[in-house]
Amino acid sequence: VCESGRLLVRIGAADPAYVEAMVKNLEVNGTYIVIA
């Protein structure tokens, strides 16, 4: 998840805090992000 977020930061789509929030979302809300 962090690698996917680091790429978003690299292209200017997100701040580094967004990466942390992506991981937190997985921890708090579970694996619904595994879409298929």
Full PDB file with SEQRES, HELIX, SHEET, SSBOND, CRYST1, ORIGX, SCALE, CONECT and MASTER records, all heavy atoms in Angstrom:
SEQRES   1 A   36  VAL CYS GLU SER GLY ARG LEU LEU VAL ARG ILE GLY ALA          
SEQRES   2 A   36  ALA ASP PRO ALA TYR VAL GLU ALA MET VAL LYS ASN LEU          
SEQRES   3 A   36  GLU VAL ASN GLY THR TYR ILE VAL ILE ALA                      
HELIX    1 AA1 CYS A    2  ARG A   10  1                                   9    
HELIX    2 AA2 PRO A   16  ASN A   29  1                                  14    
HELIX    3 AA3 THR A   31  ILE A   33  5                                   3    
CRYST1    1.000    1.000    1.000  90.00  90.00  90.00 P 1           1          
ORIGX1      1.000000  0.000000  0.000000        0.00000                         
ORIGX2      0.000000  1.000000  0.000000        0.00000                         
ORIGX3      0.000000  0.000000  1.000000        0.00000                         
SCALE1      1.000000  0.000000  0.000000        0.00000                         
SCALE2      0.000000  1.000000  0.000000        0.00000                         
SCALE3      0.000000  0.000000  1.000000        0.00000                         
ATOM      1  N   VAL A   1       0.843  -1.200   0.000  1.00  0.00           N  
ATOM      2  CA  VAL A   1       0.000   0.000   0.000  1.00  0.00           C  
ATOM      3  C   VAL A   1       0.875   1.245   0.000  1.00  0.00           C  
ATOM      4  O   VAL A   1       0.620   2.200  -0.746  1.00  0.00           O  
ATOM      5  CB  VAL A   1      -0.970  -0.009   1.208  1.00  0.00           C  
ATOM      6  CG1 VAL A   1      -1.664   1.337   1.369  1.00  0.00           C  
ATOM      7  CG2 VAL A   1      -1.998  -1.126   1.039  1.00  0.00           C  
ATOM      8  N   CYS A   2       1.917   1.249   0.817  1.00  0.00           N  
ATOM      9  CA  CYS A   2       2.816   2.410   0.885  1.00  0.00           C  
ATOM     10  C   CYS A   2       3.486   2.684  -0.454  1.00  0.00           C  
ATOM     11  O   CYS A   2       3.626   3.847  -0.859  1.00  0.00           O  
ATOM     12  CB  CYS A   2       3.866   2.220   1.963  1.00  0.00           C  
ATOM     13  SG  CYS A   2       3.248   2.477   3.633  1.00  0.00           S  
ATOM     14  N   GLU A   3       3.902   1.649  -1.154  1.00  0.00           N  
ATOM     15  CA  GLU A   3       4.525   1.863  -2.461  1.00  0.00           C  
ATOM     16  C   GLU A   3       3.542   2.508  -3.426  1.00  0.00           C  
ATOM     17  O   GLU A   3       3.899   3.431  -4.157  1.00  0.00           O  
ATOM     18  CB  GLU A   3       5.062   0.548  -3.036  1.00  0.00           C  
ATOM     19  CG  GLU A   3       5.727   0.691  -4.387  1.00  0.00           C  
ATOM     20  CD  GLU A   3       6.986   1.562  -4.391  1.00  0.00           C  
ATOM     21  OE1 GLU A   3       7.513   1.907  -3.319  1.00  0.00           O  
ATOM     22  OE2 GLU A   3       7.441   1.896  -5.506  1.00  0.00           O  
ATOM     23  N   SER A   4       2.298   2.057  -3.421  1.00  0.00           N  
ATOM     24  CA  SER A   4       1.304   2.688  -4.301  1.00  0.00           C  
ATOM     25  C   SER A   4       1.101   4.148  -3.910  1.00  0.00           C  
ATOM     26  O   SER A   4       0.935   5.015  -4.772  1.00  0.00           O  
ATOM     27  CB  SER A   4      -0.020   1.917  -4.288  1.00  0.00           C  
ATOM     28  OG  SER A   4      -0.708   2.080  -3.068  1.00  0.00           O  
ATOM     29  N   GLY A   5       1.156   4.442  -2.618  1.00  0.00           N  
ATOM     30  CA  GLY A   5       1.025   5.817  -2.154  1.00  0.00           C  
ATOM     31  C   GLY A   5       2.233   6.675  -2.480  1.00  0.00           C  
ATOM     32  O   GLY A   5       2.101   7.843  -2.859  1.00  0.00           O  
ATOM     33  N   ARG A   6       3.431   6.109  -2.341  1.00  0.00           N  
ATOM     34  CA  ARG A   6       4.653   6.863  -2.677  1.00  0.00           C  
ATOM     35  C   ARG A   6       4.636   7.302  -4.135  1.00  0.00           C  
ATOM     36  O   ARG A   6       5.108   8.394  -4.473  1.00  0.00           O  
ATOM     37  CB  ARG A   6       5.889   6.017  -2.386  1.00  0.00           C  
ATOM     38  CG  ARG A   6       6.225   5.924  -0.908  1.00  0.00           C  
ATOM     39  CD  ARG A   6       7.564   5.237  -0.680  1.00  0.00           C  
ATOM     40  NE  ARG A   6       7.527   3.809  -0.935  1.00  0.00           N  
ATOM     41  CZ  ARG A   6       7.333   2.876  -0.013  1.00  0.00           C  
ATOM     42  NH1 ARG A   6       7.128   3.220   1.246  1.00  0.00           N  
ATOM     43  NH2 ARG A   6       7.329   1.598  -0.336  1.00  0.00           N  
ATOM     44  N   LEU A   7       4.090   6.455  -4.986  1.00  0.00           N  
ATOM     45  CA  LEU A   7       3.984   6.823  -6.405  1.00  0.00           C  
ATOM     46  C   LEU A   7       3.029   8.004  -6.596  1.00  0.00           C  
ATOM     47  O   LEU A   7       3.270   8.884  -7.418  1.00  0.00           O  
ATOM     48  CB  LEU A   7       3.535   5.625  -7.236  1.00  0.00           C  
ATOM     49  CG  LEU A   7       4.545   4.487  -7.326  1.00  0.00           C  
ATOM     50  CD1 LEU A   7       3.905   3.252  -7.942  1.00  0.00           C  
ATOM     51  CD2 LEU A   7       5.775   4.904  -8.109  1.00  0.00           C  
ATOM     52  N   LEU A   8       1.944   8.024  -5.825  1.00  0.00           N  
ATOM     53  CA  LEU A   8       1.008   9.148  -5.900  1.00  0.00           C  
ATOM     54  C   LEU A   8       1.683  10.441  -5.438  1.00  0.00           C  
ATOM     55  O   LEU A   8       1.449  11.503  -6.018  1.00  0.00           O  
ATOM     56  CB  LEU A   8      -0.237   8.856  -5.061  1.00  0.00           C  
ATOM     57  CG  LEU A   8      -1.116   7.715  -5.560  1.00  0.00           C  
ATOM     58  CD1 LEU A   8      -2.184   7.368  -4.529  1.00  0.00           C  
ATOM     59  CD2 LEU A   8      -1.741   8.059  -6.906  1.00  0.00           C  
ATOM     60  N   VAL A   9       2.529  10.337  -4.435  1.00  0.00           N  
ATOM     61  CA  VAL A   9       3.285  11.508  -3.976  1.00  0.00           C  
ATOM     62  C   VAL A   9       4.281  11.930  -5.060  1.00  0.00           C  
ATOM     63  O   VAL A   9       4.412  13.123  -5.367  1.00  0.00           O  
ATOM     64  CB  VAL A   9       4.013  11.200  -2.645  1.00  0.00           C  
ATOM     65  CG1 VAL A   9       4.961  12.334  -2.267  1.00  0.00           C  
ATOM     66  CG2 VAL A   9       2.997  10.955  -1.528  1.00  0.00           C  
ATOM     67  N   ARG A  10       4.954  10.958  -5.664  1.00  0.00           N  
ATOM     68  CA  ARG A  10       5.950  11.250  -6.700  1.00  0.00           C  
ATOM     69  C   ARG A  10       5.365  12.062  -7.853  1.00  0.00           C  
ATOM     70  O   ARG A  10       6.012  12.959  -8.382  1.00  0.00           O  
ATOM     71  CB  ARG A  10       6.552   9.959  -7.246  1.00  0.00           C  
ATOM     72  CG  ARG A  10       7.603  10.244  -8.325  1.00  0.00           C  
ATOM     73  CD  ARG A  10       8.022   9.083  -9.162  1.00  0.00           C  
ATOM     74  NE  ARG A  10       8.360   7.880  -8.442  1.00  0.00           N  
ATOM     75  CZ  ARG A  10       8.745   6.760  -9.049  1.00  0.00           C  
ATOM     76  NH1 ARG A  10       8.849   6.705 -10.355  1.00  0.00           N  
ATOM     77  NH2 ARG A  10       9.011   5.686  -8.348  1.00  0.00           N  
ATOM     78  N   ILE A  11       4.135  11.741  -8.240  1.00  0.00           N  
ATOM     79  CA  ILE A  11       3.538  12.451  -9.382  1.00  0.00           C  
ATOM     80  C   ILE A  11       2.799  13.720  -8.957  1.00  0.00           C  
ATOM     81  O   ILE A  11       2.197  14.387  -9.784  1.00  0.00           O  
ATOM     82  CB  ILE A  11       2.602  11.531 -10.203  1.00  0.00           C  
ATOM     83  CG1 ILE A  11       1.406  11.061  -9.371  1.00  0.00           C  
ATOM     84  CG2 ILE A  11       3.397  10.370 -10.803  1.00  0.00           C  
ATOM     85  CD1 ILE A  11       0.322  10.371 -10.177  1.00  0.00           C  
ATOM     86  N   GLY A  12       2.845  14.046  -7.671  1.00  0.00           N  
ATOM     87  CA  GLY A  12       2.233  15.280  -7.198  1.00  0.00           C  
ATOM     88  C   GLY A  12       0.742  15.208  -6.946  1.00  0.00           C  
ATOM     89  O   GLY A  12       0.088  16.234  -6.790  1.00  0.00           O  
ATOM     90  N   ALA A  13       0.196  14.004  -6.888  1.00  0.00           N  
ATOM     91  CA  ALA A  13      -1.242  13.850  -6.656  1.00  0.00           C  
ATOM     92  C   ALA A  13      -1.591  13.901  -5.174  1.00  0.00           C  
ATOM     93  O   ALA A  13      -2.734  14.193  -4.814  1.00  0.00           O  
ATOM     94  CB  ALA A  13      -1.745  12.542  -7.260  1.00  0.00           C  
ATOM     95  N   ALA A  14      -0.593  13.633  -4.308  1.00  0.00           N  
ATOM     96  CA  ALA A  14      -0.876  13.551  -2.871  1.00  0.00           C  
ATOM     97  C   ALA A  14       0.316  14.025  -2.056  1.00  0.00           C  
ATOM     98  O   ALA A  14       1.457  14.021  -2.529  1.00  0.00           O  
ATOM     99  CB  ALA A  14      -1.217  12.113  -2.492  1.00  0.00           C  
ATOM    100  N   ASP A  15       0.018  14.408  -0.828  1.00  0.00           N  
ATOM    101  CA  ASP A  15       1.045  14.715   0.164  1.00  0.00           C  
ATOM    102  C   ASP A  15       1.483  13.416   0.835  1.00  0.00           C  
ATOM    103  O   ASP A  15       0.719  12.437   0.843  1.00  0.00           O  
ATOM    104  CB  ASP A  15       0.477  15.640   1.252  1.00  0.00           C  
ATOM    105  CG  ASP A  15       0.194  17.037   0.742  1.00  0.00           C  
ATOM    106  OD1 ASP A  15       0.946  17.517  -0.131  1.00  0.00           O  
ATOM    107  OD2 ASP A  15      -0.778  17.642   1.226  1.00  0.00           O  
ATOM    108  N   PRO A  16       2.655  13.385   1.461  1.00  0.00           N  
ATOM    109  CA  PRO A  16       3.088  12.174   2.179  1.00  0.00           C  
ATOM    110  C   PRO A  16       2.095  11.710   3.245  1.00  0.00           C  
ATOM    111  O   PRO A  16       1.973  10.504   3.484  1.00  0.00           O  
ATOM    112  CB  PRO A  16       4.426  12.600   2.803  1.00  0.00           C  
ATOM    113  CG  PRO A  16       4.952  13.629   1.852  1.00  0.00           C  
ATOM    114  CD  PRO A  16       3.725  14.385   1.396  1.00  0.00           C  
ATOM    115  N   ALA A  17       1.363  12.629   3.852  1.00  0.00           N  
ATOM    116  CA  ALA A  17       0.372  12.235   4.859  1.00  0.00           C  
ATOM    117  C   ALA A  17      -0.710  11.334   4.260  1.00  0.00           C  
ATOM    118  O   ALA A  17      -1.294  10.504   4.969  1.00  0.00           O  
ATOM    119  CB  ALA A  17      -0.266  13.476   5.480  1.00  0.00           C  
ATOM    120  N   TYR A  18      -0.960  11.473   2.977  1.00  0.00           N  
ATOM    121  CA  TYR A  18      -1.966  10.652   2.309  1.00  0.00           C  
ATOM    122  C   TYR A  18      -1.570   9.175   2.352  1.00  0.00           C  
ATOM    123  O   TYR A  18      -2.421   8.300   2.519  1.00  0.00           O  
ATOM    124  CB  TYR A  18      -2.159  11.124   0.861  1.00  0.00           C  
ATOM    125  CG  TYR A  18      -3.338  10.505   0.167  1.00  0.00           C  
ATOM    126  CD1 TYR A  18      -4.623  11.005   0.365  1.00  0.00           C  
ATOM    127  CD2 TYR A  18      -3.190   9.419  -0.684  1.00  0.00           C  
ATOM    128  CE1 TYR A  18      -5.718  10.440  -0.278  1.00  0.00           C  
ATOM    129  CE2 TYR A  18      -4.275   8.846  -1.324  1.00  0.00           C  
ATOM    130  CZ  TYR A  18      -5.540   9.350  -1.114  1.00  0.00           C  
ATOM    131  OH  TYR A  18      -6.630   8.792  -1.742  1.00  0.00           O  
ATOM    132  N   VAL A  19      -0.275   8.906   2.214  1.00  0.00           N  
ATOM    133  CA  VAL A  19       0.216   7.524   2.243  1.00  0.00           C  
ATOM    134  C   VAL A  19      -0.085   6.894   3.601  1.00  0.00           C  
ATOM    135  O   VAL A  19      -0.580   5.767   3.686  1.00  0.00           O  
ATOM    136  CB  VAL A  19       1.730   7.461   1.936  1.00  0.00           C  
ATOM    137  CG1 VAL A  19       2.224   6.028   1.955  1.00  0.00           C  
ATOM    138  CG2 VAL A  19       2.030   8.127   0.596  1.00  0.00           C  
ATOM    139  N   GLU A  20       0.194   7.626   4.650  1.00  0.00           N  
ATOM    140  CA  GLU A  20      -0.101   7.140   6.001  1.00  0.00           C  
ATOM    141  C   GLU A  20      -1.599   6.889   6.171  1.00  0.00           C  
ATOM    142  O   GLU A  20      -2.009   5.905   6.788  1.00  0.00           O  
ATOM    143  CB  GLU A  20       0.374   8.151   7.037  1.00  0.00           C  
ATOM    144  CG  GLU A  20       1.870   8.315   7.072  1.00  0.00           C  
ATOM    145  CD  GLU A  20       2.310   9.469   7.959  1.00  0.00           C  
ATOM    146  OE1 GLU A  20       1.590   9.793   8.931  1.00  0.00           O  
ATOM    147  OE2 GLU A  20       3.372  10.038   7.673  1.00  0.00           O  
ATOM    148  N   ALA A  21      -2.401   7.774   5.599  1.00  0.00           N  
ATOM    149  CA  ALA A  21      -3.856   7.623   5.702  1.00  0.00           C  
ATOM    150  C   ALA A  21      -4.347   6.406   4.922  1.00  0.00           C  
ATOM    151  O   ALA A  21      -5.324   5.765   5.325  1.00  0.00           O  
ATOM    152  CB  ALA A  21      -4.547   8.894   5.217  1.00  0.00           C  
ATOM    153  N   MET A  22      -3.681   6.057   3.835  1.00  0.00           N  
ATOM    154  CA  MET A  22      -4.045   4.864   3.071  1.00  0.00           C  
ATOM    155  C   MET A  22      -3.850   3.608   3.933  1.00  0.00           C  
ATOM    156  O   MET A  22      -4.714   2.732   3.952  1.00  0.00           O  
ATOM    157  CB  MET A  22      -3.200   4.758   1.791  1.00  0.00           C  
ATOM    158  CG  MET A  22      -3.495   5.818   0.752  1.00  0.00           C  
ATOM    159  SD  MET A  22      -2.268   5.847  -0.590  1.00  0.00           S  
ATOM    160  CE  MET A  22      -2.745   4.389  -1.514  1.00  0.00           C  
ATOM    161  N   VAL A  23      -2.728   3.540   4.625  1.00  0.00           N  
ATOM    162  CA  VAL A  23      -2.450   2.400   5.502  1.00  0.00           C  
ATOM    163  C   VAL A  23      -3.439   2.378   6.657  1.00  0.00           C  
ATOM    164  O   VAL A  23      -3.986   1.322   7.010  1.00  0.00           O  
ATOM    165  CB  VAL A  23      -0.995   2.436   6.009  1.00  0.00           C  
ATOM    166  CG1 VAL A  23      -0.751   1.349   7.056  1.00  0.00           C  
ATOM    167  CG2 VAL A  23      -0.026   2.287   4.851  1.00  0.00           C  
ATOM    168  N   LYS A  24      -3.699   3.523   7.247  1.00  0.00           N  
ATOM    169  CA  LYS A  24      -4.646   3.615   8.363  1.00  0.00           C  
ATOM    170  C   LYS A  24      -6.038   3.165   7.915  1.00  0.00           C  
ATOM    171  O   LYS A  24      -6.744   2.460   8.650  1.00  0.00           O  
ATOM    172  CB  LYS A  24      -4.685   5.052   8.885  1.00  0.00           C  
ATOM    173  CG  LYS A  24      -5.571   5.257  10.062  1.00  0.00           C  
ATOM    174  CD  LYS A  24      -4.898   4.795  11.312  1.00  0.00           C  
ATOM    175  CE  LYS A  24      -5.702   5.249  12.508  1.00  0.00           C  
ATOM    176  NZ  LYS A  24      -5.223   4.664  13.731  1.00  0.00           N  
ATOM    177  N   ASN A  25      -6.443   3.544   6.707  1.00  0.00           N  
ATOM    178  CA  ASN A  25      -7.737   3.132   6.175  1.00  0.00           C  
ATOM    179  C   ASN A  25      -7.834   1.614   6.108  1.00  0.00           C  
ATOM    180  O   ASN A  25      -8.857   1.027   6.491  1.00  0.00           O  
ATOM    181  CB  ASN A  25      -7.970   3.749   4.793  1.00  0.00           C  
ATOM    182  CG  ASN A  25      -9.321   3.411   4.222  1.00  0.00           C  
ATOM    183  OD1 ASN A  25     -10.339   3.432   4.909  1.00  0.00           O  
ATOM    184  ND2 ASN A  25      -9.349   3.102   2.937  1.00  0.00           N  
ATOM    185  N   LEU A  26      -6.780   0.964   5.666  1.00  0.00           N  
ATOM    186  CA  LEU A  26      -6.758  -0.497   5.600  1.00  0.00           C  
ATOM    187  C   LEU A  26      -6.853  -1.101   6.997  1.00  0.00           C  
ATOM    188  O   LEU A  26      -7.617  -2.045   7.226  1.00  0.00           O  
ATOM    189  CB  LEU A  26      -5.481  -0.964   4.895  1.00  0.00           C  
ATOM    190  CG  LEU A  26      -5.223  -2.467   4.832  1.00  0.00           C  
ATOM    191  CD1 LEU A  26      -6.360  -3.197   4.133  1.00  0.00           C  
ATOM    192  CD2 LEU A  26      -3.897  -2.735   4.135  1.00  0.00           C  
ATOM    193  N   GLU A  27      -6.112  -0.538   7.934  1.00  0.00           N  
ATOM    194  CA  GLU A  27      -6.115  -1.063   9.301  1.00  0.00           C  
ATOM    195  C   GLU A  27      -7.462  -0.875   9.987  1.00  0.00           C  
ATOM    196  O   GLU A  27      -7.940  -1.772  10.682  1.00  0.00           O  
ATOM    197  CB  GLU A  27      -5.015  -0.381  10.117  1.00  0.00           C  
ATOM    198  CG  GLU A  27      -3.621  -0.771   9.663  1.00  0.00           C  
ATOM    199  CD  GLU A  27      -2.527   0.070  10.299  1.00  0.00           C  
ATOM    200  OE1 GLU A  27      -2.828   1.024  11.049  1.00  0.00           O  
ATOM    201  OE2 GLU A  27      -1.346  -0.230  10.043  1.00  0.00           O  
ATOM    202  N   VAL A  28      -8.085   0.271   9.772  1.00  0.00           N  
ATOM    203  CA  VAL A  28      -9.339   0.598  10.460  1.00  0.00           C  
ATOM    204  C   VAL A  28     -10.550  -0.044   9.782  1.00  0.00           C  
ATOM    205  O   VAL A  28     -11.424  -0.610  10.438  1.00  0.00           O  
ATOM    206  CB  VAL A  28      -9.530   2.129  10.553  1.00  0.00           C  
ATOM    207  CG1 VAL A  28     -10.921   2.485  11.047  1.00  0.00           C  
ATOM    208  CG2 VAL A  28      -8.470   2.736  11.453  1.00  0.00           C  
ATOM    209  N   ASN A  29     -10.596   0.035   8.451  1.00  0.00           N  
ATOM    210  CA  ASN A  29     -11.797  -0.387   7.727  1.00  0.00           C  
ATOM    211  C   ASN A  29     -11.703  -1.771   7.106  1.00  0.00           C  
ATOM    212  O   ASN A  29     -12.668  -2.254   6.523  1.00  0.00           O  
ATOM    213  CB  ASN A  29     -12.142   0.649   6.657  1.00  0.00           C  
ATOM    214  CG  ASN A  29     -12.504   1.975   7.271  1.00  0.00           C  
ATOM    215  OD1 ASN A  29     -13.296   2.043   8.208  1.00  0.00           O  
ATOM    216  ND2 ASN A  29     -11.910   3.054   6.766  1.00  0.00           N  
ATOM    217  N   GLY A  30     -10.549  -2.393   7.189  1.00  0.00           N  
ATOM    218  CA  GLY A  30     -10.433  -3.755   6.707  1.00  0.00           C  
ATOM    219  C   GLY A  30     -10.113  -3.865   5.231  1.00  0.00           C  
ATOM    220  O   GLY A  30      -9.726  -2.906   4.571  1.00  0.00           O  
ATOM    221  N   THR A  31     -10.318  -5.043   4.721  1.00  0.00           N  
ATOM    222  CA  THR A  31      -9.832  -5.401   3.393  1.00  0.00           C  
ATOM    223  C   THR A  31     -10.843  -5.174   2.265  1.00  0.00           C  
ATOM    224  O   THR A  31     -10.707  -5.764   1.204  1.00  0.00           O  
ATOM    225  CB  THR A  31      -9.385  -6.869   3.394  1.00  0.00           C  
ATOM    226  OG1 THR A  31     -10.490  -7.679   3.786  1.00  0.00           O  
ATOM    227  CG2 THR A  31      -8.220  -7.091   4.328  1.00  0.00           C  
ATOM    228  N   TYR A  32     -11.815  -4.297   2.474  1.00  0.00           N  
ATOM    229  CA  TYR A  32     -12.747  -3.997   1.392  1.00  0.00           C  
ATOM    230  C   TYR A  32     -12.020  -3.442   0.169  1.00  0.00           C  
ATOM    231  O   TYR A  32     -12.557  -3.459  -0.947  1.00  0.00           O  
ATOM    232  CB  TYR A  32     -13.832  -3.009   1.855  1.00  0.00           C  
ATOM    233  CG  TYR A  32     -13.371  -1.580   1.916  1.00  0.00           C  
ATOM    234  CD1 TYR A  32     -13.604  -0.717   0.854  1.00  0.00           C  
ATOM    235  CD2 TYR A  32     -12.682  -1.086   3.021  1.00  0.00           C  
ATOM    236  CE1 TYR A  32     -13.156   0.595   0.893  1.00  0.00           C  
ATOM    237  CE2 TYR A  32     -12.240   0.211   3.074  1.00  0.00           C  
ATOM    238  CZ  TYR A  32     -12.475   1.053   2.009  1.00  0.00           C  
ATOM    239  OH  TYR A  32     -12.025   2.350   2.046  1.00  0.00           O  
ATOM    240  N   ILE A  33     -10.781  -2.956   0.356  1.00  0.00           N  
ATOM    241  CA  ILE A  33     -10.012  -2.416  -0.763  1.00  0.00           C  
ATOM    242  C   ILE A  33      -9.556  -3.512  -1.722  1.00  0.00           C  
ATOM    243  O   ILE A  33      -9.098  -3.212  -2.825  1.00  0.00           O  
ATOM    244  CB  ILE A  33      -8.802  -1.589  -0.292  1.00  0.00           C  
ATOM    245  CG1 ILE A  33      -7.776  -2.473   0.408  1.00  0.00           C  
ATOM    246  CG2 ILE A  33      -9.246  -0.413   0.562  1.00  0.00           C  
ATOM    247  CD1 ILE A  33      -6.421  -1.818   0.609  1.00  0.00           C  
ATOM    248  N   VAL A  34      -9.659  -4.773  -1.316  1.00  0.00           N  
ATOM    249  CA  VAL A  34      -9.342  -5.882  -2.224  1.00  0.00           C  
ATOM    250  C   VAL A  34     -10.614  -6.120  -3.036  1.00  0.00           C  
ATOM    251  O   VAL A  34     -11.524  -6.821  -2.622  1.00  0.00           O  
ATOM    252  CB  VAL A  34      -8.874  -7.137  -1.458  1.00  0.00           C  
ATOM    253  CG1 VAL A  34      -8.461  -8.232  -2.443  1.00  0.00           C  
ATOM    254  CG2 VAL A  34      -7.720  -6.796  -0.524  1.00  0.00           C  
ATOM    255  N   ILE A  35     -10.651  -5.476  -4.198  1.00  0.00           N  
ATOM    256  CA  ILE A  35     -11.900  -5.319  -4.955  1.00  0.00           C  
ATOM    257  C   ILE A  35     -12.245  -6.488  -5.859  1.00  0.00           C  
ATOM    258  O   ILE A  35     -13.372  -6.601  -6.326  1.00  0.00           O  
ATOM    259  CB  ILE A  35     -11.866  -4.012  -5.781  1.00  0.00           C  
ATOM    260  CG1 ILE A  35     -10.684  -4.025  -6.756  1.00  0.00           C  
ATOM    261  CG2 ILE A  35     -11.815  -2.803  -4.848  1.00  0.00           C  
ATOM    262  CD1 ILE A  35     -10.692  -2.894  -7.766  1.00  0.00           C  
ATOM    263  N   ALA A  36     -11.256  -7.339  -6.138  1.00  0.00           N  
ATOM    264  CA  ALA A  36     -11.460  -8.495  -7.017  1.00  0.00           C  
ATOM    265  C   ALA A  36     -10.327  -9.475  -6.724  1.00  0.00           C  
ATOM    266  O   ALA A  36      -9.349  -9.111  -6.067  1.00  0.00           O  
ATOM    267  CB  ALA A  36     -11.427  -8.056  -8.480  1.00  0.00           C  
TER     268      ALA A  36                                                      
MASTER        0    0    0    3    0    0    0    6  267    1    0    3          
END                                                                             
